[in-house]
Amino acid sequence: MSRGGSARQSYVALLIVKPVSPEEPEKVQIAVHGADDLYREIRVENTLENAAGEKVRLKQGAEIDVIIEAPPDAVEKKPT
């Protein structure tokens, strides 16, 4: 994908959240530094894939990078 814009931020995996029922996936709670109070933590499914294609998960306390990418038609220049 050709990038129209991207951002990279470093965060910390604060907490591993076990599912209430076996059908639900495990989640990881990530601390979002610099976000507004209401949005300082997000929870996402704790399933990743390594370079070998194996399923892996984050460990509690892991420092991670979150990359946001957008195609060129999804971005516009900021007003100055």
Protein backbone atom coordinates (compact mmCIF):
# COMPACT_ATOMS: atom_id res chain seq x y z
CA MET A 1 0.00 0.00 0.00
CA SER A 2 1.29 3.42 -0.89
CA ARG A 3 1.20 5.58 2.23
CA GLY A 4 -0.45 8.94 2.35
CA GLY A 5 0.52 9.40 5.98
CA SER A 6 1.75 7.45 8.97
CA ALA A 7 2.56 7.82 12.64
CA ARG A 8 4.47 5.62 15.09
CA GLN A 9 4.07 5.78 18.86
CA SER A 10 5.56 3.70 21.67
CA TYR A 11 3.19 2.33 24.29
CA VAL A 12 3.15 -0.25 27.12
CA ALA A 13 1.03 -3.40 27.43
CA LEU A 14 -0.37 -2.70 30.91
CA LEU A 15 -2.59 -5.68 31.55
CA ILE A 16 -3.52 -9.02 30.06
CA VAL A 17 -7.30 -9.45 30.33
CA LYS A 18 -8.47 -13.05 30.52
CA PRO A 19 -11.77 -13.78 28.76
CA VAL A 20 -14.95 -14.24 30.80
CA SER A 21 -15.93 -17.23 28.66
CA PRO A 22 -13.73 -19.62 26.65
CA GLU A 23 -15.31 -18.47 23.37
CA GLU A 24 -13.99 -14.92 23.81
CA PRO A 25 -10.41 -13.95 22.97
CA GLU A 26 -7.81 -12.79 25.48
CA LYS A 27 -7.27 -9.02 25.35
CA VAL A 28 -4.38 -6.73 26.13
CA GLN A 29 -4.87 -3.33 27.73
CA ILE A 30 -2.49 -0.76 26.26
CA ALA A 31 -1.55 2.55 27.94
CA VAL A 32 -1.82 5.42 25.44
CA HIS A 33 0.59 8.11 26.69
CA GLY A 34 -0.45 11.67 25.92
CA ALA A 35 -4.09 10.83 25.20
CA ASP A 36 -7.05 12.59 26.81
CA ASP A 37 -8.06 11.11 30.19
CA LEU A 38 -11.01 9.15 28.80
CA TYR A 39 -8.82 7.50 26.14
CA ARG A 40 -5.63 6.67 28.07
CA GLU A 41 -6.18 2.93 27.79
CA ILE A 42 -7.45 0.75 24.97
CA ARG A 43 -8.14 -2.98 24.84
CA VAL A 44 -7.55 -5.07 21.76
CA GLU A 45 -7.41 -8.78 21.03
CA ASN A 46 -4.06 -10.18 22.19
CA THR A 47 -3.29 -12.16 19.05
CA LEU A 48 -0.30 -11.30 16.86
CA GLU A 49 1.72 -13.12 14.22
CA ASN A 50 5.52 -13.37 14.25
CA ALA A 51 7.83 -13.38 11.22
CA ALA A 52 7.47 -17.17 10.92
CA GLY A 53 3.66 -16.90 10.75
CA GLU A 54 3.14 -18.35 14.24
CA LYS A 55 0.44 -16.99 16.54
CA VAL A 56 1.95 -15.11 19.50
CA ARG A 57 0.71 -12.79 22.24
CA LEU A 58 2.05 -9.80 24.14
CA LYS A 59 3.45 -10.14 27.65
CA GLN A 60 2.33 -7.80 30.41
CA GLY A 61 4.70 -4.82 30.61
CA ALA A 62 5.91 -5.22 27.03
CA GLU A 63 6.93 -2.00 25.29
CA ILE A 64 5.27 -1.91 21.88
CA ASP A 65 5.08 0.32 18.82
CA VAL A 66 1.70 1.17 17.34
CA ILE A 67 1.81 2.18 13.68
CA ILE A 68 -1.09 3.95 12.00
CA GLU A 69 -0.96 4.08 8.20
CA ALA A 70 -3.42 5.57 5.75
CA PRO A 71 -3.64 5.39 1.95
CA PRO A 72 -3.06 8.65 0.05
CA ASP A 73 -6.77 9.19 -0.63
CA ALA A 74 -7.57 9.08 3.11
CA VAL A 75 -5.42 12.07 4.14
CA GLU A 76 -5.33 15.78 3.52
CA LYS A 77 -2.88 18.55 4.38
CA LYS A 78 -3.40 20.25 7.73
CA PRO A 79 -4.28 23.93 7.54
CA THR A 80 -1.46 26.22 8.58
